[in-house]
Amino acid sequence: MGIHNNNKQTGFTLLEVLVAFVLFALSFSVVMQILTGSIRNTARSQEYTQAALWAQSVMAEVGLSEPVEAGAASGSFNEKYSYSLDISEYDMTIGEGSLASEVIPVDLYLVAVEIYWGESSNPASARFTTLKALNGNQR
């Protein structure tokens, strides 16, 4: 009877472990890039939403504390957000000789608000517009 020497190796070789580690590292870096992009987009969305709320606030003041008349103004809400406001008469003429101002007894004003935020190295802005109507005799 001979002695049987089974030299079967069990387990992983060093090369297999290295390949698995490299694949894990690459997969992990891709997941981290996706998460970083998602966080950046969430922050950008939050800033834009805040800008929209500030713009809505400025537009709501036009006609209440700010008169509805052609002109411009600017200001800031805090150290991060500032705005510029531009009010202009809205031309209701559709074509030559139009009687739109006689048919519609209101004066329309275009209210445009530009909100600015961000650092000087990465500035951002958003523009919001609406129309405000006044009775022809309210001017």
N, C-alpha and C. Protein backbone atom coordinates (compact mmCIF):
# COMPACT_ATOMS: atom_id res chain seq x y z
N MET A 1 0.82 -1.16 0.00
CA MET A 1 0.00 0.00 0.00
C MET A 1 0.87 1.24 0.00
N GLY A 2 0.62 2.07 -0.92
CA GLY A 2 1.38 3.29 -1.02
C GLY A 2 0.68 4.43 -0.29
N ILE A 3 1.47 5.35 0.07
CA ILE A 3 0.90 6.53 0.72
C ILE A 3 0.50 7.50 -0.38
N HIS A 4 -0.74 7.91 -0.29
CA HIS A 4 -1.25 8.88 -1.27
C HIS A 4 -1.07 10.28 -0.71
N ASN A 5 -0.42 11.06 -1.50
CA ASN A 5 -0.18 12.44 -1.08
C ASN A 5 -1.01 13.37 -1.96
N ASN A 6 -2.13 13.83 -1.44
CA ASN A 6 -2.99 14.75 -2.18
C ASN A 6 -2.53 16.18 -1.90
N ASN A 7 -1.96 16.79 -2.89
CA ASN A 7 -1.52 18.18 -2.76
C ASN A 7 -2.50 19.13 -3.42
N LYS A 8 -3.78 18.90 -3.29
CA LYS A 8 -4.80 19.80 -3.83
C LYS A 8 -4.82 21.06 -2.98
N GLN A 9 -4.74 22.17 -3.66
CA GLN A 9 -4.81 23.43 -2.94
C GLN A 9 -6.26 23.87 -2.84
N THR A 10 -6.62 24.36 -1.70
CA THR A 10 -7.94 24.94 -1.52
C THR A 10 -7.75 26.39 -1.14
N GLY A 11 -8.72 27.22 -1.50
CA GLY A 11 -8.62 28.65 -1.21
C GLY A 11 -8.31 29.43 -2.47
N PHE A 12 -7.95 30.70 -2.29
CA PHE A 12 -7.70 31.60 -3.41
C PHE A 12 -6.21 31.88 -3.54
N THR A 13 -5.80 32.08 -4.75
CA THR A 13 -4.41 32.47 -4.98
C THR A 13 -4.29 33.97 -4.75
N LEU A 14 -3.08 34.43 -4.61
CA LEU A 14 -2.83 35.85 -4.40
C LEU A 14 -3.32 36.67 -5.59
N LEU A 15 -3.16 36.15 -6.79
CA LEU A 15 -3.61 36.86 -7.99
C LEU A 15 -5.13 37.02 -7.99
N GLU A 16 -5.86 36.01 -7.60
CA GLU A 16 -7.31 36.09 -7.55
C GLU A 16 -7.77 37.13 -6.51
N VAL A 17 -7.10 37.16 -5.38
CA VAL A 17 -7.44 38.13 -4.34
C VAL A 17 -7.17 39.55 -4.84
N LEU A 18 -6.04 39.78 -5.52
CA LEU A 18 -5.72 41.10 -6.05
C LEU A 18 -6.73 41.55 -7.10
N VAL A 19 -7.12 40.65 -7.99
CA VAL A 19 -8.11 40.99 -9.02
C VAL A 19 -9.44 41.35 -8.36
N ALA A 20 -9.86 40.60 -7.37
CA ALA A 20 -11.12 40.88 -6.67
C ALA A 20 -11.04 42.24 -5.96
N PHE A 21 -9.89 42.53 -5.37
CA PHE A 21 -9.72 43.82 -4.67
C PHE A 21 -9.77 44.99 -5.65
N VAL A 22 -9.14 44.85 -6.81
CA VAL A 22 -9.15 45.90 -7.83
C VAL A 22 -10.58 46.13 -8.33
N LEU A 23 -11.32 45.06 -8.58
CA LEU A 23 -12.71 45.20 -9.03
C LEU A 23 -13.56 45.88 -7.96
N PHE A 24 -13.34 45.52 -6.70
CA PHE A 24 -14.08 46.16 -5.61
C PHE A 24 -13.74 47.65 -5.54
N ALA A 25 -12.48 48.01 -5.65
CA ALA A 25 -12.06 49.41 -5.58
C ALA A 25 -12.65 50.22 -6.72
N LEU A 26 -12.65 49.68 -7.92
CA LEU A 26 -13.25 50.38 -9.06
C LEU A 26 -14.75 50.57 -8.87
N SER A 27 -15.44 49.55 -8.43
CA SER A 27 -16.88 49.63 -8.19
C SER A 27 -17.18 50.66 -7.11
N PHE A 28 -16.39 50.65 -6.05
CA PHE A 28 -16.60 51.57 -4.95
C PHE A 28 -16.38 53.02 -5.40
N SER A 29 -15.38 53.26 -6.23
CA SER A 29 -15.13 54.63 -6.70
C SER A 29 -16.26 55.12 -7.60
N VAL A 30 -16.83 54.25 -8.41
CA VAL A 30 -17.97 54.63 -9.25
C VAL A 30 -19.17 55.00 -8.38
N VAL A 31 -19.43 54.19 -7.36
CA VAL A 31 -20.55 54.47 -6.46
C VAL A 31 -20.33 55.80 -5.73
N MET A 32 -19.11 56.08 -5.31
CA MET A 32 -18.80 57.34 -4.63
C MET A 32 -19.00 58.54 -5.57
N GLN A 33 -18.63 58.40 -6.84
CA GLN A 33 -18.84 59.49 -7.80
C GLN A 33 -20.33 59.75 -8.00
N ILE A 34 -21.12 58.70 -8.06
CA ILE A 34 -22.56 58.86 -8.22
C ILE A 34 -23.15 59.55 -7.00
N LEU A 35 -22.73 59.16 -5.80
CA LEU A 35 -23.24 59.79 -4.59
C LEU A 35 -22.82 61.25 -4.49
N THR A 36 -21.59 61.57 -4.88
CA THR A 36 -21.12 62.95 -4.86
C THR A 36 -21.93 63.81 -5.82
N GLY A 37 -22.18 63.31 -7.02
CA GLY A 37 -23.01 64.03 -7.99
C GLY A 37 -24.43 64.24 -7.47
N SER A 38 -24.97 63.24 -6.80
CA SER A 38 -26.31 63.35 -6.25
C SER A 38 -26.37 64.41 -5.16
N ILE A 39 -25.37 64.46 -4.30
CA ILE A 39 -25.33 65.47 -3.24
C ILE A 39 -25.20 66.86 -3.84
N ARG A 40 -24.36 67.01 -4.87
CA ARG A 40 -24.19 68.30 -5.54
C ARG A 40 -25.50 68.75 -6.17
N ASN A 41 -26.21 67.83 -6.84
CA ASN A 41 -27.49 68.18 -7.47
C ASN A 41 -28.54 68.55 -6.43
N THR A 42 -28.53 67.88 -5.29
CA THR A 42 -29.47 68.20 -4.23
C THR A 42 -29.21 69.60 -3.68
N ALA A 43 -27.94 69.95 -3.49
CA ALA A 43 -27.60 71.28 -3.00
C ALA A 43 -27.99 72.35 -4.02
N ARG A 44 -27.73 72.09 -5.31
CA ARG A 44 -28.10 73.04 -6.36
C ARG A 44 -29.62 73.22 -6.41
N SER A 45 -30.35 72.14 -6.27
CA SER A 45 -31.80 72.20 -6.28
C SER A 45 -32.32 73.01 -5.08
N GLN A 46 -31.70 72.84 -3.93
CA GLN A 46 -32.11 73.58 -2.74
C GLN A 46 -31.84 75.07 -2.94
N GLU A 47 -30.71 75.43 -3.53
CA GLU A 47 -30.40 76.84 -3.77
C GLU A 47 -31.38 77.45 -4.77
N TYR A 48 -31.73 76.72 -5.82
CA TYR A 48 -32.67 77.23 -6.81
C TYR A 48 -34.06 77.40 -6.19
N THR A 49 -34.46 76.46 -5.34
CA THR A 49 -35.75 76.57 -4.67
C THR A 49 -35.78 77.79 -3.77
N GLN A 50 -34.68 78.04 -3.05
CA GLN A 50 -34.60 79.22 -2.19
C GLN A 50 -34.67 80.49 -3.04
N ALA A 51 -34.00 80.49 -4.19
CA ALA A 51 -34.06 81.65 -5.09
C ALA A 51 -35.49 81.88 -5.57
N ALA A 52 -36.19 80.82 -5.90
CA ALA A 52 -37.58 80.95 -6.35
C ALA A 52 -38.47 81.53 -5.24
N LEU A 53 -38.23 81.12 -4.02
CA LEU A 53 -39.01 81.67 -2.90
C LEU A 53 -38.71 83.15 -2.68
N TRP A 54 -37.43 83.54 -2.80
CA TRP A 54 -37.08 84.95 -2.67
C TRP A 54 -37.73 85.76 -3.80
N ALA A 55 -37.70 85.23 -5.02
CA ALA A 55 -38.30 85.93 -6.16
C ALA A 55 -39.80 86.09 -5.96
N GLN A 56 -40.43 85.05 -5.47
CA GLN A 56 -41.87 85.12 -5.20
C GLN A 56 -42.17 86.20 -4.16
N SER A 57 -41.31 86.31 -3.17
CA SER A 57 -41.48 87.33 -2.14
C SER A 57 -41.37 88.74 -2.73
N VAL A 58 -40.37 88.96 -3.58
CA VAL A 58 -40.20 90.28 -4.21
C VAL A 58 -41.39 90.60 -5.10
N MET A 59 -41.83 89.63 -5.90
CA MET A 59 -42.96 89.86 -6.80
C MET A 59 -44.25 90.15 -6.03
N ALA A 60 -44.41 89.52 -4.88
CA ALA A 60 -45.61 89.75 -4.08
C ALA A 60 -45.63 91.16 -3.52
N GLU A 61 -44.45 91.74 -3.26
CA GLU A 61 -44.39 93.10 -2.72
C GLU A 61 -44.72 94.16 -3.76
N VAL A 62 -44.54 93.82 -5.05
CA VAL A 62 -44.86 94.79 -6.10
C VAL A 62 -46.38 94.97 -6.12
N GLY A 63 -46.79 96.18 -5.92
CA GLY A 63 -48.21 96.49 -5.84
C GLY A 63 -48.68 96.63 -4.41
N LEU A 64 -47.90 96.12 -3.45
CA LEU A 64 -48.25 96.29 -2.04
C LEU A 64 -47.35 97.36 -1.41
N SER A 65 -46.09 97.02 -1.19
CA SER A 65 -45.18 98.01 -0.62
C SER A 65 -44.35 98.71 -1.69
N GLU A 66 -44.24 98.11 -2.85
CA GLU A 66 -43.55 98.71 -4.00
C GLU A 66 -44.62 99.14 -5.00
N PRO A 67 -44.55 100.37 -5.51
CA PRO A 67 -45.56 100.78 -6.51
C PRO A 67 -45.34 100.06 -7.83
N VAL A 68 -46.44 99.85 -8.54
CA VAL A 68 -46.36 99.23 -9.86
C VAL A 68 -46.14 100.36 -10.86
N GLU A 69 -44.90 100.66 -11.11
CA GLU A 69 -44.53 101.66 -12.10
C GLU A 69 -43.18 101.28 -12.67
N ALA A 70 -42.95 101.72 -13.90
CA ALA A 70 -41.70 101.37 -14.58
C ALA A 70 -40.51 101.87 -13.77
N GLY A 71 -39.51 101.01 -13.63
CA GLY A 71 -38.32 101.37 -12.89
C GLY A 71 -37.52 100.14 -12.51
N ALA A 72 -36.46 100.36 -11.77
CA ALA A 72 -35.59 99.27 -11.36
C ALA A 72 -35.20 99.46 -9.90
N ALA A 73 -34.89 98.35 -9.27
CA ALA A 73 -34.42 98.38 -7.88
C ALA A 73 -33.55 97.15 -7.66
N SER A 74 -32.79 97.18 -6.60
CA SER A 74 -31.97 96.02 -6.25
C SER A 74 -31.79 95.99 -4.75
N GLY A 75 -31.35 94.88 -4.25
CA GLY A 75 -31.14 94.73 -2.82
C GLY A 75 -30.61 93.35 -2.51
N SER A 76 -30.51 93.05 -1.24
CA SER A 76 -30.06 91.72 -0.83
C SER A 76 -30.93 91.23 0.31
N PHE A 77 -31.06 89.93 0.38
CA PHE A 77 -31.85 89.29 1.44
C PHE A 77 -30.97 88.93 2.62
N ASN A 78 -29.79 88.43 2.31
CA ASN A 78 -28.80 88.06 3.32
C ASN A 78 -27.44 88.07 2.65
N GLU A 79 -26.44 87.52 3.28
CA GLU A 79 -25.09 87.56 2.70
C GLU A 79 -24.95 86.66 1.48
N LYS A 80 -25.89 85.77 1.27
CA LYS A 80 -25.78 84.83 0.14
C LYS A 80 -26.63 85.22 -1.06
N TYR A 81 -27.84 85.74 -0.84
CA TYR A 81 -28.78 86.01 -1.91
C TYR A 81 -29.01 87.51 -2.08
N SER A 82 -29.01 87.96 -3.34
CA SER A 82 -29.35 89.34 -3.67
C SER A 82 -30.26 89.33 -4.89
N TYR A 83 -30.80 90.49 -5.23
CA TYR A 83 -31.75 90.53 -6.35
C TYR A 83 -31.67 91.84 -7.10
N SER A 84 -32.19 91.82 -8.30
CA SER A 84 -32.46 93.03 -9.06
C SER A 84 -33.88 92.91 -9.59
N LEU A 85 -34.59 94.01 -9.52
CA LEU A 85 -36.00 94.07 -9.93
C LEU A 85 -36.12 95.06 -11.07
N ASP A 86 -36.82 94.67 -12.11
CA ASP A 86 -37.05 95.55 -13.25
C ASP A 86 -38.53 95.51 -13.59
N ILE A 87 -39.17 96.66 -13.56
CA ILE A 87 -40.60 96.76 -13.91
C ILE A 87 -40.71 97.62 -15.15
N SER A 88 -41.39 97.11 -16.17
CA SER A 88 -41.56 97.86 -17.41
C SER A 88 -42.99 97.69 -17.91
N GLU A 89 -43.45 98.70 -18.65
CA GLU A 89 -44.79 98.59 -19.23
C GLU A 89 -44.78 97.49 -20.27
N TYR A 90 -45.85 96.72 -20.27
CA TYR A 90 -45.97 95.60 -21.20
C TYR A 90 -46.79 96.06 -22.39
N ASP A 91 -46.24 95.89 -23.57
CA ASP A 91 -46.90 96.33 -24.79
C ASP A 91 -47.97 95.31 -25.17
N MET A 92 -49.21 95.74 -25.13
CA MET A 92 -50.32 94.83 -25.45
C MET A 92 -50.70 94.85 -26.92
N THR A 93 -50.02 95.64 -27.72
CA THR A 93 -50.39 95.68 -29.13
C THR A 93 -50.01 94.38 -29.80
N ILE A 94 -50.94 93.87 -30.55
CA ILE A 94 -50.72 92.60 -31.23
C ILE A 94 -50.26 92.84 -32.66
N GLY A 95 -50.78 93.86 -33.26
CA GLY A 95 -50.39 94.19 -34.62
C GLY A 95 -50.56 95.69 -34.82
N GLU A 96 -50.28 96.13 -36.00
CA GLU A 96 -50.41 97.56 -36.28
C GLU A 96 -51.87 97.98 -36.18
N GLY A 97 -52.09 99.11 -35.52
CA GLY A 97 -53.45 99.63 -35.39
C GLY A 97 -54.32 98.84 -34.43
N SER A 98 -53.69 98.05 -33.55
CA SER A 98 -54.45 97.24 -32.62
C SER A 98 -55.16 98.11 -31.59
N LEU A 99 -56.33 97.70 -31.22
CA LEU A 99 -57.11 98.41 -30.22
C LEU A 99 -57.11 97.65 -28.90
N ALA A 100 -56.03 96.88 -28.64
CA ALA A 100 -55.99 96.04 -27.44
C ALA A 100 -56.14 96.85 -26.17
N SER A 101 -55.55 98.05 -26.11
CA SER A 101 -55.65 98.85 -24.89
C SER A 101 -57.07 99.36 -24.68
N GLU A 102 -57.83 99.50 -25.77
CA GLU A 102 -59.22 99.93 -25.63
C GLU A 102 -60.12 98.74 -25.31
N VAL A 103 -59.79 97.58 -25.82
CA VAL A 103 -60.59 96.39 -25.57
C VAL A 103 -60.36 95.89 -24.15
N ILE A 104 -59.10 95.91 -23.70
CA ILE A 104 -58.76 95.46 -22.35
C ILE A 104 -58.47 96.70 -21.51
N PRO A 105 -59.34 97.03 -20.57
CA PRO A 105 -59.17 98.28 -19.82
C PRO A 105 -58.18 98.15 -18.65
N VAL A 106 -57.05 97.52 -18.88
CA VAL A 106 -56.02 97.40 -17.84
C VAL A 106 -54.67 97.78 -18.42
N ASP A 107 -53.80 98.20 -17.54
CA ASP A 107 -52.41 98.43 -17.92
C ASP A 107 -51.61 97.25 -17.39
N LEU A 108 -50.83 96.64 -18.27
CA LEU A 108 -50.02 95.49 -17.85
C LEU A 108 -48.57 95.94 -17.66
N TYR A 109 -47.94 95.40 -16.63
CA TYR A 109 -46.53 95.67 -16.34
C TYR A 109 -45.80 94.34 -16.24
N LEU A 110 -44.65 94.29 -16.89
CA LEU A 110 -43.79 93.12 -16.82
C LEU A 110 -42.87 93.29 -15.62
N VAL A 111 -42.94 92.36 -14.69
CA VAL A 111 -42.11 92.39 -13.49
C VAL A 111 -41.08 91.27 -13.62
N ALA A 112 -39.81 91.65 -13.69
CA ALA A 112 -38.73 90.68 -13.83
C ALA A 112 -37.82 90.77 -12.61
N VAL A 113 -37.57 89.63 -12.00
CA VAL A 113 -36.70 89.56 -10.83
C VAL A 113 -35.56 88.60 -11.15
N GLU A 114 -34.35 89.07 -10.96
CA GLU A 114 -33.16 88.24 -11.13
C GLU A 114 -32.57 88.02 -9.73
N ILE A 115 -32.41 86.76 -9.35
CA ILE A 115 -31.85 86.41 -8.04
C ILE A 115 -30.42 85.92 -8.27
N TYR A 116 -29.49 86.42 -7.46
CA TYR A 116 -28.08 86.05 -7.56
C TYR A 116 -27.64 85.38 -6.26
N TRP A 117 -26.81 84.37 -6.39
CA TRP A 117 -26.23 83.72 -5.22
C TRP A 117 -24.93 83.03 -5.61
N GLY A 118 -24.25 82.50 -4.63
CA GLY A 118 -23.00 81.78 -4.88
C GLY A 118 -21.78 82.65 -4.64
N GLU A 119 -20.64 82.00 -4.69
CA GLU A 119 -19.38 82.71 -4.49
C GLU A 119 -18.95 83.36 -5.80
N SER A 120 -18.00 84.27 -5.70
CA SER A 120 -17.54 84.97 -6.90
C SER A 120 -16.86 84.01 -7.88
N SER A 121 -16.30 82.92 -7.38
CA SER A 121 -15.67 81.94 -8.26
C SER A 121 -16.70 81.04 -8.96
N ASN A 122 -17.90 80.93 -8.37
CA ASN A 122 -18.94 80.07 -8.94
C ASN A 122 -20.30 80.74 -8.77
N PRO A 123 -20.54 81.87 -9.48
CA PRO A 123 -21.81 82.58 -9.30
C PRO A 123 -22.97 81.85 -9.99
N ALA A 124 -24.15 82.08 -9.45
CA ALA A 124 -25.36 81.48 -10.05
C ALA A 124 -26.46 82.54 -10.03
N SER A 125 -27.40 82.40 -10.94
CA SER A 125 -28.53 83.32 -10.97
C SER A 125 -29.73 82.64 -11.61
N ALA A 126 -30.89 83.18 -11.33
CA ALA A 126 -32.12 82.69 -11.93
C ALA A 126 -33.03 83.89 -12.17
N ARG A 127 -33.73 83.87 -13.29
CA ARG A 127 -34.61 84.99 -13.66
C ARG A 127 -36.06 84.50 -13.61
N PHE A 128 -36.91 85.31 -13.01
CA PHE A 128 -38.33 85.02 -12.87
C PHE A 128 -39.12 86.22 -13.37
N THR A 129 -40.18 85.98 -14.11
CA THR A 129 -41.00 87.08 -14.64
C THR A 129 -42.48 86.80 -14.40
N THR A 130 -43.22 87.86 -14.31
CA THR A 130 -44.67 87.77 -14.22
C THR A 130 -45.27 89.06 -14.75
N LEU A 131 -46.56 89.07 -14.93
CA LEU A 131 -47.28 90.28 -15.35
C LEU A 131 -48.16 90.75 -14.20
N LYS A 132 -48.20 92.06 -14.00
CA LYS A 132 -49.09 92.66 -13.02
C LYS A 132 -50.07 93.54 -13.78
N ALA A 133 -51.33 93.47 -13.43
CA ALA A 133 -52.36 94.25 -14.12
C ALA A 133 -52.91 95.33 -13.18
N LEU A 134 -53.08 96.52 -13.75
CA LEU A 134 -53.72 97.63 -13.03
C LEU A 134 -54.87 98.12 -13.86
N ASN A 135 -55.92 98.53 -13.20
CA ASN A 135 -57.00 99.19 -13.92
C ASN A 135 -56.43 100.44 -14.56
N GLY A 136 -56.93 100.80 -15.71
CA GLY A 136 -56.43 101.98 -16.42
C GLY A 136 -56.49 103.25 -15.59
N ASN A 137 -57.40 103.32 -14.63
CA ASN A 137 -57.51 104.53 -13.82
C ASN A 137 -56.75 104.44 -12.50
N GLN A 138 -56.02 103.36 -12.24
CA GLN A 138 -55.26 103.20 -11.00
C GLN A 138 -53.88 103.84 -11.08
N ARG A 139 -53.45 104.26 -12.22
CA ARG A 139 -52.10 104.75 -12.39
C ARG A 139 -51.82 105.94 -11.58
